[in-house]
Amino acid sequence: ERVQCGGDGCLGTREAKRRGEKRQKWCGERSIGRARATQAWLTNVHGSAPDIAGEDKANPFAMVLSASMMLRYGLGEAAAADAIDAAVIKTLDQGIRTGDIASKGEKVSGCKATGEAILANL
């Protein structure tokens, strides 16, 4: 069951505010919040997108942030997760966007360049 996002620190909320929206409408999975403190439920973030395979259009942010969540909640590596989250925020703050999240008139970056930017900011 999806839950409404409420945190100002949420990356989805930050991105929504940048676009002039009040906040991200939905994020997270309620079932993750129900897991015991010693457990983490890790699941894939999206499909394989065969329709854009090889076109350098995929958005790597969710996959990178899934790795951050795995480190934080699955492996107890909060410092490593914080570093990844900071790199993603810095990348977004630099105006780097894939086509699916770019606003009209913004420069669009491909998957490879976006991933390289995140890595450079790590």
N, C-alpha and C. Protein backbone atom coordinates (compact mmCIF):
# COMPACT_ATOMS: atom_id res chain seq x y z
N GLU A 1 0.85 -1.19 0.00
CA GLU A 1 0.00 0.00 0.00
C GLU A 1 0.89 1.24 0.00
N ARG A 2 0.64 2.14 -0.92
CA ARG A 2 1.46 3.34 -1.02
C ARG A 2 1.01 4.35 0.00
N VAL A 3 1.95 5.12 0.52
CA VAL A 3 1.64 6.12 1.54
C VAL A 3 2.07 7.49 1.08
N GLN A 4 1.42 8.50 1.63
CA GLN A 4 1.76 9.85 1.24
C GLN A 4 3.09 10.25 1.86
N CYS A 5 3.89 10.94 1.07
CA CYS A 5 5.19 11.41 1.53
C CYS A 5 5.00 12.62 2.42
N GLY A 6 5.73 12.68 3.51
CA GLY A 6 5.56 13.82 4.38
C GLY A 6 6.84 14.54 4.74
N GLY A 7 7.97 13.98 4.39
CA GLY A 7 9.23 14.56 4.84
C GLY A 7 9.81 15.59 3.90
N ASP A 8 10.24 16.73 4.44
CA ASP A 8 10.88 17.74 3.61
C ASP A 8 12.25 17.27 3.13
N GLY A 9 12.86 16.30 3.79
CA GLY A 9 14.15 15.78 3.38
C GLY A 9 14.05 14.74 2.28
N CYS A 10 12.84 14.30 1.98
CA CYS A 10 12.62 13.28 0.95
C CYS A 10 13.07 13.81 -0.41
N LEU A 11 13.81 13.01 -1.15
CA LEU A 11 14.31 13.45 -2.45
C LEU A 11 13.16 13.74 -3.41
N GLY A 12 12.09 12.96 -3.33
CA GLY A 12 10.93 13.21 -4.18
C GLY A 12 10.29 14.55 -3.86
N THR A 13 10.23 14.90 -2.59
CA THR A 13 9.66 16.18 -2.18
C THR A 13 10.55 17.32 -2.64
N ARG A 14 11.87 17.17 -2.53
CA ARG A 14 12.79 18.20 -3.00
C ARG A 14 12.61 18.46 -4.48
N GLU A 15 12.48 17.38 -5.25
CA GLU A 15 12.33 17.50 -6.69
C GLU A 15 10.99 18.15 -7.04
N ALA A 16 9.93 17.77 -6.33
CA ALA A 16 8.62 18.37 -6.57
C ALA A 16 8.65 19.86 -6.28
N LYS A 17 9.29 20.25 -5.19
CA LYS A 17 9.39 21.68 -4.84
C LYS A 17 10.17 22.44 -5.91
N ARG A 18 11.21 21.82 -6.47
CA ARG A 18 11.98 22.47 -7.51
C ARG A 18 11.10 22.77 -8.72
N ARG A 19 10.15 21.89 -8.98
CA ARG A 19 9.24 22.09 -10.12
C ARG A 19 8.08 23.00 -9.76
N GLY A 20 8.05 23.51 -8.51
CA GLY A 20 6.99 24.42 -8.10
C GLY A 20 5.75 23.71 -7.56
N GLU A 21 5.84 22.41 -7.37
CA GLU A 21 4.72 21.66 -6.82
C GLU A 21 4.81 21.68 -5.30
N LYS A 22 3.68 21.48 -4.64
CA LYS A 22 3.66 21.53 -3.18
C LYS A 22 4.55 20.46 -2.57
N ARG A 23 4.39 19.21 -3.03
CA ARG A 23 5.24 18.10 -2.58
C ARG A 23 4.97 16.87 -3.41
N GLN A 24 5.86 15.93 -3.32
CA GLN A 24 5.68 14.66 -4.01
C GLN A 24 4.40 14.03 -3.48
N LYS A 25 3.57 13.53 -4.38
CA LYS A 25 2.29 12.98 -3.95
C LYS A 25 2.41 11.64 -3.25
N TRP A 26 3.23 10.76 -3.79
CA TRP A 26 3.34 9.42 -3.23
C TRP A 26 4.78 8.95 -3.25
N CYS A 27 5.19 8.29 -2.21
CA CYS A 27 6.49 7.63 -2.25
C CYS A 27 6.54 6.57 -1.18
N GLY A 28 7.40 5.62 -1.37
CA GLY A 28 7.60 4.57 -0.37
C GLY A 28 6.56 3.47 -0.42
N GLU A 29 6.81 2.47 0.32
CA GLU A 29 5.90 1.36 0.44
C GLU A 29 5.59 1.16 1.92
N ARG A 30 4.32 1.12 2.26
CA ARG A 30 3.93 0.95 3.66
C ARG A 30 4.50 -0.34 4.24
N SER A 31 4.58 -1.39 3.44
CA SER A 31 5.06 -2.66 3.95
C SER A 31 6.50 -2.57 4.45
N ILE A 32 7.30 -1.70 3.87
CA ILE A 32 8.68 -1.54 4.34
C ILE A 32 8.66 -0.98 5.75
N GLY A 33 7.75 -0.04 6.03
CA GLY A 33 7.64 0.54 7.36
C GLY A 33 7.18 -0.45 8.40
N ARG A 34 6.52 -1.52 7.98
CA ARG A 34 6.02 -2.52 8.92
C ARG A 34 7.09 -3.56 9.28
N ALA A 35 8.18 -3.57 8.56
CA ALA A 35 9.23 -4.55 8.83
C ALA A 35 9.85 -4.28 10.19
N ARG A 36 10.26 -5.32 10.87
CA ARG A 36 10.92 -5.14 12.16
C ARG A 36 12.24 -4.40 11.98
N ALA A 37 12.71 -3.78 13.03
CA ALA A 37 13.94 -2.97 12.96
C ALA A 37 15.14 -3.79 12.50
N THR A 38 15.09 -5.10 12.68
CA THR A 38 16.23 -5.93 12.30
C THR A 38 16.08 -6.51 10.90
N GLN A 39 15.02 -6.12 10.18
CA GLN A 39 14.76 -6.66 8.86
C GLN A 39 14.70 -5.54 7.83
N ALA A 40 14.91 -5.91 6.61
CA ALA A 40 14.69 -4.99 5.50
C ALA A 40 14.11 -5.78 4.35
N TRP A 41 13.13 -5.22 3.72
CA TRP A 41 12.52 -5.85 2.57
C TRP A 41 12.96 -5.07 1.35
N LEU A 42 13.80 -5.66 0.53
CA LEU A 42 14.35 -4.99 -0.65
C LEU A 42 13.66 -5.55 -1.88
N THR A 43 13.20 -4.67 -2.73
CA THR A 43 12.49 -5.09 -3.93
C THR A 43 12.97 -4.27 -5.12
N ASN A 44 12.74 -4.76 -6.32
CA ASN A 44 13.18 -4.02 -7.50
C ASN A 44 12.42 -2.70 -7.62
N VAL A 45 13.02 -1.73 -8.30
CA VAL A 45 12.42 -0.40 -8.39
C VAL A 45 11.63 -0.20 -9.68
N HIS A 46 11.88 -1.00 -10.69
CA HIS A 46 11.17 -0.83 -11.95
C HIS A 46 11.45 -2.03 -12.84
N GLY A 47 10.81 -2.06 -13.98
CA GLY A 47 11.01 -3.15 -14.93
C GLY A 47 12.27 -2.94 -15.75
N SER A 48 12.44 -3.76 -16.74
CA SER A 48 13.66 -3.72 -17.55
C SER A 48 13.58 -2.71 -18.69
N ALA A 49 12.42 -2.13 -18.96
CA ALA A 49 12.21 -1.11 -19.99
C ALA A 49 12.79 -1.52 -21.35
N PRO A 50 12.34 -2.65 -21.89
CA PRO A 50 12.88 -3.09 -23.18
C PRO A 50 12.60 -2.10 -24.32
N ASP A 51 11.58 -1.26 -24.16
CA ASP A 51 11.24 -0.30 -25.22
C ASP A 51 12.29 0.79 -25.39
N ILE A 52 13.13 1.01 -24.37
CA ILE A 52 14.18 2.03 -24.49
C ILE A 52 15.59 1.44 -24.36
N ALA A 53 15.68 0.11 -24.42
CA ALA A 53 16.97 -0.56 -24.30
C ALA A 53 17.96 -0.03 -25.33
N GLY A 54 19.15 0.29 -24.87
CA GLY A 54 20.21 0.74 -25.76
C GLY A 54 20.10 2.18 -26.24
N GLU A 55 19.09 2.92 -25.74
CA GLU A 55 18.87 4.29 -26.18
C GLU A 55 19.40 5.35 -25.21
N ASP A 56 20.01 4.94 -24.11
CA ASP A 56 20.56 5.86 -23.11
C ASP A 56 19.51 6.80 -22.54
N LYS A 57 18.28 6.27 -22.32
CA LYS A 57 17.18 7.09 -21.82
C LYS A 57 16.76 6.74 -20.39
N ALA A 58 17.22 5.62 -19.87
CA ALA A 58 16.77 5.18 -18.55
C ALA A 58 17.21 6.15 -17.46
N ASN A 59 16.42 6.22 -16.41
CA ASN A 59 16.71 7.07 -15.26
C ASN A 59 17.39 6.22 -14.19
N PRO A 60 18.66 6.48 -13.86
CA PRO A 60 19.37 5.65 -12.88
C PRO A 60 19.13 6.05 -11.42
N PHE A 61 18.45 7.17 -11.16
CA PHE A 61 18.31 7.66 -9.79
C PHE A 61 17.65 6.63 -8.86
N ALA A 62 16.55 6.01 -9.28
CA ALA A 62 15.86 5.05 -8.41
C ALA A 62 16.74 3.85 -8.08
N MET A 63 17.48 3.37 -9.07
CA MET A 63 18.35 2.21 -8.82
C MET A 63 19.46 2.58 -7.84
N VAL A 64 20.05 3.77 -8.02
CA VAL A 64 21.11 4.22 -7.13
C VAL A 64 20.56 4.40 -5.71
N LEU A 65 19.37 4.99 -5.61
CA LEU A 65 18.77 5.19 -4.29
C LEU A 65 18.33 3.87 -3.66
N SER A 66 18.01 2.88 -4.48
CA SER A 66 17.72 1.54 -3.94
C SER A 66 18.96 0.94 -3.31
N ALA A 67 20.11 1.18 -3.94
CA ALA A 67 21.37 0.71 -3.36
C ALA A 67 21.61 1.39 -2.02
N SER A 68 21.29 2.68 -1.95
CA SER A 68 21.42 3.41 -0.69
C SER A 68 20.54 2.79 0.40
N MET A 69 19.30 2.49 0.03
CA MET A 69 18.39 1.88 1.01
C MET A 69 18.88 0.50 1.43
N MET A 70 19.43 -0.28 0.49
CA MET A 70 19.97 -1.59 0.83
C MET A 70 21.11 -1.44 1.85
N LEU A 71 21.99 -0.47 1.60
CA LEU A 71 23.09 -0.24 2.53
C LEU A 71 22.57 0.19 3.91
N ARG A 72 21.63 1.11 3.92
CA ARG A 72 21.12 1.65 5.19
C ARG A 72 20.31 0.63 5.98
N TYR A 73 19.31 0.04 5.33
CA TYR A 73 18.35 -0.80 6.05
C TYR A 73 18.69 -2.28 6.02
N GLY A 74 19.38 -2.72 4.99
CA GLY A 74 19.71 -4.14 4.89
C GLY A 74 21.05 -4.49 5.50
N LEU A 75 22.01 -3.57 5.37
CA LEU A 75 23.38 -3.88 5.81
C LEU A 75 23.86 -3.01 6.96
N GLY A 76 23.04 -2.05 7.39
CA GLY A 76 23.42 -1.20 8.52
C GLY A 76 24.57 -0.25 8.22
N GLU A 77 24.76 0.11 6.96
CA GLU A 77 25.86 0.99 6.54
C GLU A 77 25.33 2.40 6.27
N ALA A 78 24.92 3.09 7.33
CA ALA A 78 24.30 4.41 7.20
C ALA A 78 25.25 5.44 6.58
N ALA A 79 26.52 5.39 6.92
CA ALA A 79 27.46 6.38 6.38
C ALA A 79 27.59 6.24 4.86
N ALA A 80 27.65 5.02 4.38
CA ALA A 80 27.74 4.80 2.93
C ALA A 80 26.45 5.26 2.25
N ALA A 81 25.30 4.96 2.87
CA ALA A 81 24.01 5.39 2.32
C ALA A 81 23.91 6.91 2.30
N ASP A 82 24.37 7.56 3.35
CA ASP A 82 24.36 9.03 3.40
C ASP A 82 25.20 9.63 2.28
N ALA A 83 26.33 9.01 1.98
CA ALA A 83 27.20 9.49 0.91
C ALA A 83 26.51 9.38 -0.45
N ILE A 84 25.82 8.27 -0.68
CA ILE A 84 25.09 8.10 -1.93
C ILE A 84 23.95 9.11 -2.04
N ASP A 85 23.19 9.26 -0.97
CA ASP A 85 22.09 10.23 -0.97
C ASP A 85 22.59 11.64 -1.25
N ALA A 86 23.70 12.00 -0.65
CA ALA A 86 24.28 13.34 -0.86
C ALA A 86 24.73 13.51 -2.31
N ALA A 87 25.28 12.46 -2.91
CA ALA A 87 25.71 12.52 -4.30
C ALA A 87 24.51 12.71 -5.23
N VAL A 88 23.41 12.03 -4.94
CA VAL A 88 22.20 12.18 -5.75
C VAL A 88 21.65 13.60 -5.62
N ILE A 89 21.58 14.11 -4.39
CA ILE A 89 21.08 15.47 -4.18
C ILE A 89 21.96 16.48 -4.90
N LYS A 90 23.27 16.31 -4.81
CA LYS A 90 24.18 17.24 -5.48
C LYS A 90 23.99 17.19 -7.00
N THR A 91 23.80 15.99 -7.53
CA THR A 91 23.58 15.83 -8.96
C THR A 91 22.30 16.54 -9.40
N LEU A 92 21.24 16.36 -8.63
CA LEU A 92 19.99 17.05 -8.94
C LEU A 92 20.15 18.56 -8.80
N ASP A 93 20.86 19.00 -7.76
CA ASP A 93 21.10 20.43 -7.56
C ASP A 93 21.91 21.04 -8.70
N GLN A 94 22.70 20.22 -9.39
CA GLN A 94 23.48 20.69 -10.54
C GLN A 94 22.62 20.79 -11.80
N GLY A 95 21.36 20.42 -11.68
CA GLY A 95 20.45 20.52 -12.81
C GLY A 95 20.49 19.34 -13.76
N ILE A 96 21.09 18.25 -13.34
CA ILE A 96 21.20 17.06 -14.20
C ILE A 96 19.90 16.26 -14.08
N ARG A 97 19.23 16.04 -15.21
CA ARG A 97 17.95 15.36 -15.25
C ARG A 97 17.89 14.43 -16.46
N THR A 98 17.28 13.27 -16.28
CA THR A 98 16.96 12.42 -17.42
C THR A 98 15.63 12.92 -17.99
N GLY A 99 15.31 12.48 -19.19
CA GLY A 99 14.14 13.00 -19.88
C GLY A 99 12.82 12.83 -19.15
N ASP A 100 12.70 11.79 -18.35
CA ASP A 100 11.43 11.55 -17.65
C ASP A 100 11.18 12.51 -16.49
N ILE A 101 12.21 13.18 -15.98
CA ILE A 101 12.00 14.11 -14.87
C ILE A 101 12.38 15.55 -15.20
N ALA A 102 12.85 15.79 -16.41
CA ALA A 102 13.23 17.15 -16.80
C ALA A 102 11.97 17.98 -17.06
N SER A 103 11.99 19.21 -16.59
CA SER A 103 10.90 20.14 -16.89
C SER A 103 11.09 20.69 -18.29
N LYS A 104 10.04 21.25 -18.83
CA LYS A 104 10.11 21.82 -20.18
C LYS A 104 11.22 22.86 -20.25
N GLY A 105 12.06 22.72 -21.27
CA GLY A 105 13.16 23.66 -21.47
C GLY A 105 14.45 23.29 -20.76
N GLU A 106 14.41 22.30 -19.87
CA GLU A 106 15.64 21.88 -19.19
C GLU A 106 16.45 20.95 -20.09
N LYS A 107 17.74 21.01 -19.93
CA LYS A 107 18.64 20.12 -20.65
C LYS A 107 18.43 18.69 -20.15
N VAL A 108 18.39 17.77 -21.08
CA VAL A 108 18.18 16.36 -20.74
C VAL A 108 19.52 15.64 -20.80
N SER A 109 19.81 14.86 -19.77
CA SER A 109 21.03 14.07 -19.69
C SER A 109 20.67 12.60 -19.87
N GLY A 110 21.51 11.86 -20.54
CA GLY A 110 21.28 10.43 -20.72
C GLY A 110 21.59 9.65 -19.45
N CYS A 111 21.25 8.39 -19.47
CA CYS A 111 21.49 7.51 -18.33
C CYS A 111 22.98 7.43 -17.98
N LYS A 112 23.81 7.25 -18.99
CA LYS A 112 25.25 7.10 -18.74
C LYS A 112 25.82 8.38 -18.12
N ALA A 113 25.52 9.53 -18.70
CA ALA A 113 26.04 10.80 -18.18
C ALA A 113 25.51 11.09 -16.78
N THR A 114 24.25 10.74 -16.54
CA THR A 114 23.66 10.95 -15.21
C THR A 114 24.36 10.06 -14.19
N GLY A 115 24.56 8.79 -14.53
CA GLY A 115 25.26 7.88 -13.63
C GLY A 115 26.69 8.32 -13.36
N GLU A 116 27.35 8.82 -14.39
CA GLU A 116 28.72 9.32 -14.20
C GLU A 116 28.74 10.55 -13.32
N ALA A 117 27.73 11.41 -13.44
CA ALA A 117 27.65 12.59 -12.58
C ALA A 117 27.44 12.20 -11.12
N ILE A 118 26.57 11.23 -10.89
CA ILE A 118 26.33 10.74 -9.52
C ILE A 118 27.64 10.19 -8.97
N LEU A 119 28.33 9.39 -9.75
CA LEU A 119 29.60 8.80 -9.32
C LEU A 119 30.64 9.88 -9.02
N ALA A 120 30.72 10.90 -9.88
CA ALA A 120 31.68 11.99 -9.66
C ALA A 120 31.36 12.76 -8.38
N ASN A 121 30.09 12.83 -8.02
CA ASN A 121 29.67 13.55 -6.81
C ASN A 121 29.77 12.69 -5.54
N LEU A 122 30.08 11.43 -5.71
CA LEU A 122 30.16 10.51 -4.56
C LEU A 122 31.42 10.77 -3.76
